[in-house]
Amino acid sequence: MPQPPSRPSEGPSIPLTQASHLLTSFTHFLTVCIHNILYYRNIYPAQTFLTSRAYNIPVHQSRHPKVCSWIRDAVDAVKAQLVLGAVERIAVVIYDDQVRVMERWMFDVASFPAWTGFKEGRLPRREDDEGGDGRAEGAAAGTGGNESKVNWSNVHEELRASIRRLAHAGEKMASLPEGCTFTIAVELREEGEAPIGSNLQTKSKDRPTSGEEVGGAKTTPLRAVEAGPLFFECWVEEGKAKVEQPSSAIPPASEEQ
């Protein structure tokens, strides 16, 4: 018996031009968040970051070419899976030097719109997202006349507020031990197939939940973003390996300096 077709995202369907700009807005936001997480959690020395602006607020961006390239490629791989409607959650996972999960910065995109009209997840490669302010795609999309369904000012305000909340949480959380590393992981829907040749770690929805896997020691909600057809939630999970070690008593990085 032939297998049924893969189930697409369950969110609302929107026009192709709007979907393209909305998806670019989200991946730009995700790129900014990843760089900020690396900065505020001291994964790399602070002096290796520069301060720029995105969504009209200050943000931090790694200056290391290989780090920037790795993040760019990983976000491109995430974007291709989002187009296919295959992604349940995205995680920036931080490990200690014993490969124990310290933190998972989660983005639940299960309610994303259906990206109708795209073929095989292939999209034009976006321009350097790290250098933009998140506004260009919104301005272009706002010219769609009657086709426009998206309030771009609202979208960018919601994304800006999420970046601020993430930065605040990153500053106030207990410090991580030295020698931590990170990766970007995606949790696929049951029908999703793992991408080939990417930097992403993937897991199936039917495996243990994220809270169980990380130890479930502490979960901090960050923000639920709802702007027109765009809806996703953000939170950060801290594992038992982090909470139970002496380093959890170290004050936040913002107080150490």
C-alpha atoms as a PDB file:
ATOM      1  CA  MET A   1       0.000   0.000   0.000  1.00  0.00           C
ATOM      2  CA  PRO A   2       1.478   3.402  -0.916  1.00  0.00           C
ATOM      3  CA  GLN A   3       2.325   5.733   1.940  1.00  0.00           C
ATOM      4  CA  PRO A   4       0.107   8.808   2.428  1.00  0.00           C
ATOM      5  CA  PRO A   5       1.660  12.138   1.501  1.00  0.00           C
ATOM      6  CA  SER A   6       3.532  14.054   4.179  1.00  0.00           C
ATOM      7  CA  ARG A   7       1.386  16.378   6.240  1.00  0.00           C
ATOM      8  CA  PRO A   8       2.265  20.054   5.712  1.00  0.00           C
ATOM      9  CA  SER A   9       2.381  22.705   8.406  1.00  0.00           C
ATOM     10  CA  GLU A  10      -0.996  23.092  10.050  1.00  0.00           C
ATOM     11  CA  GLY A  11      -0.964  26.880  10.139  1.00  0.00           C
ATOM     12  CA  PRO A  12      -2.913  29.103   7.749  1.00  0.00           C
ATOM     13  CA  SER A  13      -1.987  29.241   4.086  1.00  0.00           C
ATOM     14  CA  ILE A  14      -0.850  32.650   2.778  1.00  0.00           C
ATOM     15  CA  PRO A  15       0.171  33.915  -0.679  1.00  0.00           C
ATOM     16  CA  LEU A  16       3.580  32.967  -2.019  1.00  0.00           C
ATOM     17  CA  THR A  17       5.064  36.479  -1.951  1.00  0.00           C
ATOM     18  CA  GLN A  18       3.899  37.042   1.621  1.00  0.00           C
ATOM     19  CA  ALA A  19       5.186  33.624   2.698  1.00  0.00           C
ATOM     20  CA  SER A  20       8.605  34.325   1.211  1.00  0.00           C
ATOM     21  CA  HIS A  21       9.001  37.612   3.094  1.00  0.00           C
ATOM     22  CA  LEU A  22       7.601  36.154   6.303  1.00  0.00           C
ATOM     23  CA  LEU A  23       9.994  33.216   6.156  1.00  0.00           C
ATOM     24  CA  THR A  24      12.945  35.533   5.510  1.00  0.00           C
ATOM     25  CA  SER A  25      11.899  37.678   8.477  1.00  0.00           C
ATOM     26  CA  PHE A  26      11.879  34.622  10.732  1.00  0.00           C
ATOM     27  CA  THR A  27      15.232  33.263   9.562  1.00  0.00           C
ATOM     28  CA  HIS A  28      16.800  36.705  10.007  1.00  0.00           C
ATOM     29  CA  PHE A  29      15.348  36.743  13.535  1.00  0.00           C
ATOM     30  CA  LEU A  30      16.686  33.235  14.215  1.00  0.00           C
ATOM     31  CA  THR A  31      20.167  34.246  13.041  1.00  0.00           C
ATOM     32  CA  VAL A  32      20.169  37.269  15.356  1.00  0.00           C
ATOM     33  CA  CYS A  33      19.017  35.102  18.268  1.00  0.00           C
ATOM     34  CA  ILE A  34      21.765  32.518  17.730  1.00  0.00           C
ATOM     35  CA  HIS A  35      24.500  35.158  17.732  1.00  0.00           C
ATOM     36  CA  ASN A  36      23.001  36.780  20.841  1.00  0.00           C
ATOM     37  CA  ILE A  37      22.820  33.454  22.670  1.00  0.00           C
ATOM     38  CA  LEU A  38      26.487  32.776  21.941  1.00  0.00           C
ATOM     39  CA  TYR A  39      27.369  36.226  23.257  1.00  0.00           C
ATOM     40  CA  TYR A  40      25.264  36.308  26.428  1.00  0.00           C
ATOM     41  CA  ARG A  41      26.118  32.732  27.387  1.00  0.00           C
ATOM     42  CA  ASN A  42      29.851  33.370  26.859  1.00  0.00           C
ATOM     43  CA  ILE A  43      30.342  30.515  24.409  1.00  0.00           C
ATOM     44  CA  TYR A  44      33.017  32.680  22.766  1.00  0.00           C
ATOM     45  CA  PRO A  45      34.937  35.628  24.296  1.00  0.00           C
ATOM     46  CA  ALA A  46      33.026  38.911  24.282  1.00  0.00           C
ATOM     47  CA  GLN A  47      35.813  40.631  22.350  1.00  0.00           C
ATOM     48  CA  THR A  48      35.146  38.352  19.365  1.00  0.00           C
ATOM     49  CA  PHE A  49      31.726  39.974  18.885  1.00  0.00           C
ATOM     50  CA  LEU A  50      30.769  43.311  17.424  1.00  0.00           C
ATOM     51  CA  THR A  51      27.688  45.342  18.303  1.00  0.00           C
ATOM     52  CA  SER A  52      25.317  46.136  15.459  1.00  0.00           C
ATOM     53  CA  ARG A  53      21.618  46.895  15.150  1.00  0.00           C
ATOM     54  CA  ALA A  54      18.680  44.751  14.102  1.00  0.00           C
ATOM     55  CA  TYR A  55      15.013  45.615  14.481  1.00  0.00           C
ATOM     56  CA  ASN A  56      16.216  49.026  15.709  1.00  0.00           C
ATOM     57  CA  ILE A  57      17.871  47.621  18.847  1.00  0.00           C
ATOM     58  CA  PRO A  58      21.517  46.773  19.626  1.00  0.00           C
ATOM     59  CA  VAL A  59      22.471  43.140  19.017  1.00  0.00           C
ATOM     60  CA  HIS A  60      25.708  41.178  19.081  1.00  0.00           C
ATOM     61  CA  GLN A  61      27.289  39.344  16.165  1.00  0.00           C
ATOM     62  CA  SER A  62      30.317  37.080  16.083  1.00  0.00           C
ATOM     63  CA  ARG A  63      33.192  38.468  14.038  1.00  0.00           C
ATOM     64  CA  HIS A  64      34.717  35.047  13.382  1.00  0.00           C
ATOM     65  CA  PRO A  65      34.195  34.137   9.698  1.00  0.00           C
ATOM     66  CA  LYS A  66      33.895  30.396  10.353  1.00  0.00           C
ATOM     67  CA  VAL A  67      31.323  30.889  13.112  1.00  0.00           C
ATOM     68  CA  CYS A  68      29.274  33.206  10.883  1.00  0.00           C
ATOM     69  CA  SER A  69      29.494  30.774   7.966  1.00  0.00           C
ATOM     70  CA  TRP A  70      28.464  27.805  10.115  1.00  0.00           C
ATOM     71  CA  ILE A  71      25.444  29.656  11.499  1.00  0.00           C
ATOM     72  CA  ARG A  72      24.457  30.846   8.025  1.00  0.00           C
ATOM     73  CA  ASP A  73      24.582  27.305   6.621  1.00  0.00           C
ATOM     74  CA  ALA A  74      22.651  25.886   9.579  1.00  0.00           C
ATOM     75  CA  VAL A  75      19.902  28.506   9.269  1.00  0.00           C
ATOM     76  CA  ASP A  76      19.683  27.834   5.525  1.00  0.00           C
ATOM     77  CA  ALA A  77      19.173  24.141   6.307  1.00  0.00           C
ATOM     78  CA  VAL A  78      16.462  25.008   8.841  1.00  0.00           C
ATOM     79  CA  LYS A  79      14.802  27.272   6.279  1.00  0.00           C
ATOM     80  CA  ALA A  80      14.667  24.498   3.690  1.00  0.00           C
ATOM     81  CA  GLN A  81      12.929  22.209   6.191  1.00  0.00           C
ATOM     82  CA  LEU A  82      10.492  24.953   7.229  1.00  0.00           C
ATOM     83  CA  VAL A  83       9.442  25.331   3.596  1.00  0.00           C
ATOM     84  CA  LEU A  84       8.587  21.628   3.521  1.00  0.00           C
ATOM     85  CA  GLY A  85       6.502  21.966   6.679  1.00  0.00           C
ATOM     86  CA  ALA A  86       8.717  19.345   8.318  1.00  0.00           C
ATOM     87  CA  VAL A  87       9.830  21.202  11.470  1.00  0.00           C
ATOM     88  CA  GLU A  88       8.215  20.961  14.887  1.00  0.00           C
ATOM     89  CA  ARG A  89      10.849  22.765  16.964  1.00  0.00           C
ATOM     90  CA  ILE A  90      14.252  24.392  16.576  1.00  0.00           C
ATOM     91  CA  ALA A  91      16.812  24.304  19.393  1.00  0.00           C
ATOM     92  CA  VAL A  92      20.120  25.980  20.126  1.00  0.00           C
ATOM     93  CA  VAL A  93      21.700  23.356  22.379  1.00  0.00           C
ATOM     94  CA  ILE A  94      24.642  24.121  24.672  1.00  0.00           C
ATOM     95  CA  TYR A  95      26.822  21.276  25.973  1.00  0.00           C
ATOM     96  CA  ASP A  96      29.576  21.193  28.574  1.00  0.00           C
ATOM     97  CA  ASP A  97      32.960  19.585  27.913  1.00  0.00           C
ATOM     98  CA  GLN A  98      31.503  16.198  28.908  1.00  0.00           C
ATOM     99  CA  VAL A  99      28.783  16.542  26.248  1.00  0.00           C
ATOM    100  CA  ARG A 100      26.043  16.975  28.846  1.00  0.00           C
ATOM    101  CA  VAL A 101      23.182  19.265  27.899  1.00  0.00           C
ATOM    102  CA  MET A 102      23.397  22.496  29.861  1.00  0.00           C
ATOM    103  CA  GLU A 103      20.741  24.563  28.100  1.00  0.00           C
ATOM    104  CA  ARG A 104      18.325  24.309  25.197  1.00  0.00           C
ATOM    105  CA  TRP A 105      16.997  27.541  23.705  1.00  0.00           C
ATOM    106  CA  MET A 106      13.769  26.440  22.052  1.00  0.00           C
ATOM    107  CA  PHE A 107      11.671  27.842  19.196  1.00  0.00           C
ATOM    108  CA  ASP A 108       8.380  25.984  18.701  1.00  0.00           C
ATOM    109  CA  VAL A 109       7.251  26.524  15.099  1.00  0.00           C
ATOM    110  CA  ALA A 110       4.586  23.813  14.925  1.00  0.00           C
ATOM    111  CA  SER A 111       1.914  26.413  14.091  1.00  0.00           C
ATOM    112  CA  PHE A 112       3.802  28.085  11.256  1.00  0.00           C
ATOM    113  CA  PRO A 113       1.842  28.929   8.083  1.00  0.00           C
ATOM    114  CA  ALA A 114       1.773  26.479   5.197  1.00  0.00           C
ATOM    115  CA  TRP A 115       4.403  27.588   2.679  1.00  0.00           C
ATOM    116  CA  THR A 116       2.303  26.848  -0.403  1.00  0.00           C
ATOM    117  CA  GLY A 117       3.893  27.373  -3.805  1.00  0.00           C
ATOM    118  CA  PHE A 118       7.499  26.529  -2.916  1.00  0.00           C
ATOM    119  CA  LYS A 119       9.004  23.506  -4.627  1.00  0.00           C
ATOM    120  CA  GLU A 120      11.296  20.995  -2.920  1.00  0.00           C
ATOM    121  CA  GLY A 121      12.303  23.487  -0.259  1.00  0.00           C
ATOM    122  CA  ARG A 122      14.495  25.456  -2.668  1.00  0.00           C
ATOM    123  CA  LEU A 123      14.647  29.164  -2.007  1.00  0.00           C
ATOM    124  CA  PRO A 124      16.913  31.940  -3.248  1.00  0.00           C
ATOM    125  CA  ARG A 125      19.849  32.328  -0.887  1.00  0.00           C
ATOM    126  CA  ARG A 126      19.184  35.343   1.256  1.00  0.00           C
ATOM    127  CA  GLU A 127      21.526  38.288   1.536  1.00  0.00           C
ATOM    128  CA  ASP A 128      23.719  38.652   4.597  1.00  0.00           C
ATOM    129  CA  ASP A 129      21.071  38.483   7.306  1.00  0.00           C
ATOM    130  CA  GLU A 130      23.445  39.400  10.090  1.00  0.00           C
ATOM    131  CA  GLY A 131      24.005  42.852   8.633  1.00  0.00           C
ATOM    132  CA  GLY A 132      20.369  43.777   8.038  1.00  0.00           C
ATOM    133  CA  ASP A 133      17.846  45.407  10.326  1.00  0.00           C
ATOM    134  CA  GLY A 134      14.951  43.107   9.533  1.00  0.00           C
ATOM    135  CA  ARG A 135      12.971  45.808   7.730  1.00  0.00           C
ATOM    136  CA  ALA A 136      13.762  45.484   4.027  1.00  0.00           C
ATOM    137  CA  GLU A 137      11.686  42.406   3.445  1.00  0.00           C
ATOM    138  CA  GLY A 138       8.763  43.933   5.306  1.00  0.00           C
ATOM    139  CA  ALA A 139       8.819  47.072   3.213  1.00  0.00           C
ATOM    140  CA  ALA A 140       8.822  45.061   0.006  1.00  0.00           C
ATOM    141  CA  ALA A 141       6.004  42.834   1.184  1.00  0.00           C
ATOM    142  CA  GLY A 142       3.896  45.802   2.147  1.00  0.00           C
ATOM    143  CA  THR A 143       3.477  46.723  -1.521  1.00  0.00           C
ATOM    144  CA  GLY A 144       1.362  43.704  -2.339  1.00  0.00           C
ATOM    145  CA  GLY A 145      -1.904  45.658  -2.593  1.00  0.00           C
ATOM    146  CA  ASN A 146      -4.989  43.584  -1.923  1.00  0.00           C
ATOM    147  CA  GLU A 147      -2.835  40.463  -1.608  1.00  0.00           C
ATOM    148  CA  SER A 148      -1.203  41.743   1.567  1.00  0.00           C
ATOM    149  CA  LYS A 149      -2.370  39.952   4.711  1.00  0.00           C
ATOM    150  CA  VAL A 150       0.540  40.740   7.011  1.00  0.00           C
ATOM    151  CA  ASN A 151       0.979  43.748   9.296  1.00  0.00           C
ATOM    152  CA  TRP A 152       4.751  44.030   8.994  1.00  0.00           C
ATOM    153  CA  SER A 153       5.095  46.677  11.703  1.00  0.00           C
ATOM    154  CA  ASN A 154       3.439  44.252  14.095  1.00  0.00           C
ATOM    155  CA  VAL A 155       5.672  41.377  12.961  1.00  0.00           C
ATOM    156  CA  HIS A 156       8.863  43.362  13.517  1.00  0.00           C
ATOM    157  CA  GLU A 157       7.669  44.691  16.878  1.00  0.00           C
ATOM    158  CA  GLU A 158       6.969  41.144  18.065  1.00  0.00           C
ATOM    159  CA  LEU A 159      10.367  39.908  16.880  1.00  0.00           C
ATOM    160  CA  ARG A 160      12.105  42.883  18.488  1.00  0.00           C
ATOM    161  CA  ALA A 161      10.399  42.194  21.822  1.00  0.00           C
ATOM    162  CA  SER A 162      11.438  38.537  21.641  1.00  0.00           C
ATOM    163  CA  ILE A 163      15.086  39.451  21.040  1.00  0.00           C
ATOM    164  CA  ARG A 164      15.005  41.766  24.054  1.00  0.00           C
ATOM    165  CA  ARG A 165      13.463  39.072  26.249  1.00  0.00           C
ATOM    166  CA  LEU A 166      16.026  36.512  25.118  1.00  0.00           C
ATOM    167  CA  ALA A 167      18.897  38.921  25.804  1.00  0.00           C
ATOM    168  CA  HIS A 168      17.565  39.659  29.290  1.00  0.00           C
ATOM    169  CA  ALA A 169      17.259  35.952  30.092  1.00  0.00           C
ATOM    170  CA  GLY A 170      20.747  35.242  28.764  1.00  0.00           C
ATOM    171  CA  GLU A 171      22.242  37.959  30.962  1.00  0.00           C
ATOM    172  CA  LYS A 172      20.469  36.896  34.157  1.00  0.00           C
ATOM    173  CA  MET A 173      20.879  33.121  33.995  1.00  0.00           C
ATOM    174  CA  ALA A 174      23.581  31.410  36.040  1.00  0.00           C
ATOM    175  CA  SER A 175      26.916  31.187  34.267  1.00  0.00           C
ATOM    176  CA  LEU A 176      27.925  28.133  32.283  1.00  0.00           C
ATOM    177  CA  PRO A 177      31.129  26.180  32.969  1.00  0.00           C
ATOM    178  CA  GLU A 178      34.131  26.874  30.785  1.00  0.00           C
ATOM    179  CA  GLY A 179      34.621  24.883  27.608  1.00  0.00           C
ATOM    180  CA  CYS A 180      30.981  24.740  26.503  1.00  0.00           C
ATOM    181  CA  THR A 181      30.061  24.158  22.856  1.00  0.00           C
ATOM    182  CA  PHE A 182      26.817  24.494  20.936  1.00  0.00           C
ATOM    183  CA  THR A 183      24.871  23.078  18.035  1.00  0.00           C
ATOM    184  CA  ILE A 184      21.578  23.755  16.285  1.00  0.00           C
ATOM    185  CA  ALA A 185      19.027  20.944  16.257  1.00  0.00           C
ATOM    186  CA  VAL A 186      15.613  20.503  14.693  1.00  0.00           C
ATOM    187  CA  GLU A 187      12.809  18.271  15.883  1.00  0.00           C
ATOM    188  CA  LEU A 188      10.976  16.987  12.829  1.00  0.00           C
ATOM    189  CA  ARG A 189       7.336  16.121  12.489  1.00  0.00           C
ATOM    190  CA  GLU A 190       6.553  12.407  12.381  1.00  0.00           C
ATOM    191  CA  GLU A 191       6.400  12.500   8.568  1.00  0.00           C
ATOM    192  CA  GLY A 192       9.532  14.596   8.146  1.00  0.00           C
ATOM    193  CA  GLU A 193      12.737  13.162   6.676  1.00  0.00           C
ATOM    194  CA  ALA A 194      16.136  14.159   8.019  1.00  0.00           C
ATOM    195  CA  PRO A 195      18.029  16.580   5.741  1.00  0.00           C
ATOM    196  CA  ILE A 196      21.112  15.174   4.027  1.00  0.00           C
ATOM    197  CA  GLY A 197      24.490  16.896   4.148  1.00  0.00           C
ATOM    198  CA  SER A 198      23.636  19.628   6.669  1.00  0.00           C
ATOM    199  CA  ASN A 199      25.075  20.663  10.034  1.00  0.00           C
ATOM    200  CA  LEU A 200      21.754  20.055  11.766  1.00  0.00           C
ATOM    201  CA  GLN A 201      21.050  17.459  14.404  1.00  0.00           C
ATOM    202  CA  THR A 202      17.600  15.965  13.954  1.00  0.00           C
ATOM    203  CA  LYS A 203      15.274  13.947  16.134  1.00  0.00           C
ATOM    204  CA  SER A 204      11.866  12.383  15.690  1.00  0.00           C
ATOM    205  CA  LYS A 205       8.826  13.678  17.503  1.00  0.00           C
ATOM    206  CA  ASP A 206       8.147  10.237  19.004  1.00  0.00           C
ATOM    207  CA  ARG A 207      11.403  10.181  20.978  1.00  0.00           C
ATOM    208  CA  PRO A 208      11.498  11.511  24.572  1.00  0.00           C
ATOM    209  CA  THR A 209      10.268  15.065  24.895  1.00  0.00           C
ATOM    210  CA  SER A 210      12.744  17.896  25.135  1.00  0.00           C
ATOM    211  CA  GLY A 211      12.120  18.416  28.845  1.00  0.00           C
ATOM    212  CA  GLU A 212      12.713  14.747  29.624  1.00  0.00           C
ATOM    213  CA  GLU A 213      15.862  14.613  27.522  1.00  0.00           C
ATOM    214  CA  VAL A 214      17.450  17.661  29.112  1.00  0.00           C
ATOM    215  CA  GLY A 215      16.557  16.520  32.618  1.00  0.00           C
ATOM    216  CA  GLY A 216      13.625  18.842  33.100  1.00  0.00           C
ATOM    217  CA  ALA A 217      15.320  20.786  35.892  1.00  0.00           C
ATOM    218  CA  LYS A 218      14.043  24.226  34.928  1.00  0.00           C
ATOM    219  CA  THR A 219      12.101  25.790  32.072  1.00  0.00           C
ATOM    220  CA  THR A 220      11.824  29.558  31.613  1.00  0.00           C
ATOM    221  CA  PRO A 221       9.199  30.880  29.174  1.00  0.00           C
ATOM    222  CA  LEU A 222      10.525  33.688  26.999  1.00  0.00           C
ATOM    223  CA  ARG A 223       7.750  34.840  24.679  1.00  0.00           C
ATOM    224  CA  ALA A 224       4.894  33.712  22.489  1.00  0.00           C
ATOM    225  CA  VAL A 225       4.973  35.597  19.189  1.00  0.00           C
ATOM    226  CA  GLU A 226       1.652  36.137  17.435  1.00  0.00           C
ATOM    227  CA  ALA A 227       1.539  38.532  14.497  1.00  0.00           C
ATOM    228  CA  GLY A 228      -0.986  37.771  11.790  1.00  0.00           C
ATOM    229  CA  PRO A 229      -0.246  34.322  10.338  1.00  0.00           C
ATOM    230  CA  LEU A 230       3.049  34.073  12.237  1.00  0.00           C
ATOM    231  CA  PHE A 231       2.881  32.244  15.568  1.00  0.00           C
ATOM    232  CA  PHE A 232       5.669  30.569  17.516  1.00  0.00           C
ATOM    233  CA  GLU A 233       6.821  30.207  21.115  1.00  0.00           C
ATOM    234  CA  CYS A 234      10.255  30.575  22.713  1.00  0.00           C
ATOM    235  CA  TRP A 235      11.595  29.211  25.987  1.00  0.00           C
ATOM    236  CA  VAL A 236      14.853  28.045  27.536  1.00  0.00           C
ATOM    237  CA  GLU A 237      15.409  24.738  29.328  1.00  0.00           C
ATOM    238  CA  GLU A 238      18.182  24.148  31.865  1.00  0.00           C
ATOM    239  CA  GLY A 239      19.347  20.592  32.461  1.00  0.00           C
ATOM    240  CA  LYS A 240      20.031  18.875  35.764  1.00  0.00           C
ATOM    241  CA  ALA A 241      23.697  18.632  34.815  1.00  0.00           C
ATOM    242  CA  LYS A 242      23.859  22.423  34.940  1.00  0.00           C
ATOM    243  CA  VAL A 243      21.696  23.005  37.995  1.00  0.00           C
ATOM    244  CA  GLU A 244      23.457  20.367  40.109  1.00  0.00           C
ATOM    245  CA  GLN A 245      27.008  21.550  39.481  1.00  0.00           C
ATOM    246  CA  PRO A 246      28.829  24.182  41.568  1.00  0.00           C
ATOM    247  CA  SER A 247      28.979  26.561  38.605  1.00  0.00           C
ATOM    248  CA  SER A 248      25.234  27.117  38.944  1.00  0.00           C
ATOM    249  CA  ALA A 249      26.018  29.164  42.038  1.00  0.00           C
ATOM    250  CA  ILE A 250      28.222  31.544  40.062  1.00  0.00           C
ATOM    251  CA  PRO A 251      26.507  34.901  39.518  1.00  0.00           C
ATOM    252  CA  PRO A 252      25.259  35.812  36.054  1.00  0.00           C
ATOM    253  CA  ALA A 253      27.831  37.025  33.555  1.00  0.00           C
ATOM    254  CA  SER A 254      26.444  40.564  33.713  1.00  0.00           C
ATOM    255  CA  GLU A 255      27.385  40.719  37.411  1.00  0.00           C
ATOM    256  CA  GLU A 256      30.847  39.233  36.954  1.00  0.00           C
ATOM    257  CA  GLN A 257      32.121  42.052  34.766  1.00  0.00           C
END
